């Protein structure tokens, strides 16, 4: 899953869970059934999990391009520059 796919999965998860929570509350309140409310919300959580957890192809629309190992040898990792300043004394 690429970075944009992770963002999409997160947004889908939040939207679906909120929608199922609202629907479950409204149905449960109108029927006066706490059990029905929990069943609807549990079904929503299960459906949301099936949609957002597997690595579906639409989560991989922007693949990352990795360097070949031969390219890594030609482009070494930059080293941090050490400062040549003397530390100042604070009073």
Protein backbone atom coordinates (compact mmCIF):
# COMPACT_ATOMS: atom_id res chain seq x y z
CA UNK A 1 0.00 0.00 0.00
CA UNK A 2 1.45 3.37 -0.98
CA UNK A 3 1.26 6.62 0.99
CA UNK A 4 -1.82 7.92 -0.83
CA UNK A 5 -3.43 4.50 -0.37
CA UNK A 6 -2.82 4.69 3.37
CA UNK A 7 -4.42 8.12 3.47
CA UNK A 8 -7.40 6.86 1.47
CA UNK A 9 -7.79 3.82 3.74
CA UNK A 10 -7.73 6.06 6.82
CA UNK A 11 -10.32 8.42 5.36
CA UNK A 12 -12.56 5.52 4.29
CA UNK A 13 -12.30 3.95 7.72
CA UNK A 14 -13.25 7.15 9.54
CA UNK A 15 -16.12 7.93 7.15
CA UNK A 16 -17.58 4.41 7.20
CA UNK A 17 -17.34 4.04 10.98
CA UNK A 18 -19.02 7.39 11.51
CA UNK A 19 -21.77 6.58 8.99
CA UNK A 20 -22.45 3.18 10.55
CA UNK A 21 -22.47 4.73 14.04
CA UNK A 22 -25.08 7.30 12.99
CA UNK A 23 -27.23 4.71 11.20
CA UNK A 24 -26.95 2.28 14.12
CA UNK A 25 -27.93 4.97 16.63
CA UNK A 26 -30.91 6.19 14.59
CA UNK A 27 -32.23 2.67 13.95
CA UNK A 28 -31.58 1.56 17.52
CA UNK A 29 -33.25 4.65 18.95
CA UNK A 30 -36.27 4.45 16.65
CA UNK A 31 -36.78 0.74 17.41
CA UNK A 32 -35.87 1.13 21.06
CA UNK A 33 -33.43 -1.75 20.71
CA UNK A 34 -29.92 -1.51 22.09
CA UNK A 35 -29.20 -4.97 20.70
CA UNK A 36 -30.14 -3.91 17.15
CA UNK A 37 -27.94 -0.84 17.47
CA UNK A 38 -24.95 -2.97 18.50
CA UNK A 39 -25.56 -5.50 15.73
CA UNK A 40 -25.71 -2.81 13.05
CA UNK A 41 -22.56 -1.15 14.37
CA UNK A 42 -20.72 -4.50 14.63
CA UNK A 43 -21.69 -5.27 11.03
CA UNK A 44 -20.39 -1.85 10.02
CA UNK A 45 -17.09 -2.46 11.79
CA UNK A 46 -16.76 -5.84 10.06
CA UNK A 47 -17.56 -4.34 6.63
CA UNK A 48 -15.17 -1.43 7.24
CA UNK A 49 -12.44 -3.90 8.17
CA UNK A 50 -13.01 -5.89 4.98
CA UNK A 51 -12.79 -2.72 2.90
CA UNK A 52 -9.81 -0.99 4.52
CA UNK A 53 -7.47 -3.70 5.86
CA UNK A 54 -6.67 -5.84 2.76
CA UNK A 55 -4.23 -4.40 0.26
CA UNK A 56 -6.73 -3.83 -2.55
CA UNK A 57 -5.41 -2.65 -5.96
CA UNK A 58 -7.04 0.78 -5.63
CA UNK A 59 -4.75 1.44 -2.64
CA UNK A 60 -1.70 0.99 -4.93
CA UNK A 61 -2.29 3.63 -7.59
CA UNK A 62 0.87 5.62 -6.76
CA UNK A 63 3.70 3.09 -6.28
CA UNK A 64 7.05 4.22 -4.92
CA UNK A 65 10.08 3.96 -7.16
CA UNK A 66 12.96 2.39 -5.24
CA UNK A 67 16.60 2.70 -6.27
CA UNK A 68 18.45 -0.37 -7.56
CA UNK A 69 21.29 -1.55 -5.35
CA UNK A 70 23.78 -0.44 -8.02
CA UNK A 71 22.38 3.10 -7.82
CA UNK A 72 22.80 3.17 -4.05
CA UNK A 73 26.56 2.61 -4.37
CA UNK A 74 26.85 5.57 -6.76
CA UNK A 75 24.90 7.90 -4.46
CA UNK A 76 26.27 7.53 -0.92
CA UNK A 77 24.29 8.69 2.06
CA UNK A 78 25.11 12.31 3.00
CA UNK A 79 27.07 12.67 6.21
CA UNK A 80 26.17 15.36 8.77
CA UNK A 81 28.45 18.40 8.78
CA UNK A 82 30.24 19.02 12.05
CA UNK A 83 30.36 22.62 13.20
CA UNK A 84 33.84 24.10 13.73
CA UNK A 85 32.58 26.82 16.09
CA UNK A 86 33.75 26.80 19.67
CA UNK A 87 30.95 26.56 22.20
CA UNK A 88 30.30 29.87 23.91
CA UNK A 89 30.22 30.12 27.67
CA UNK A 90 26.97 31.31 29.11
CA UNK A 91 26.91 33.27 32.33
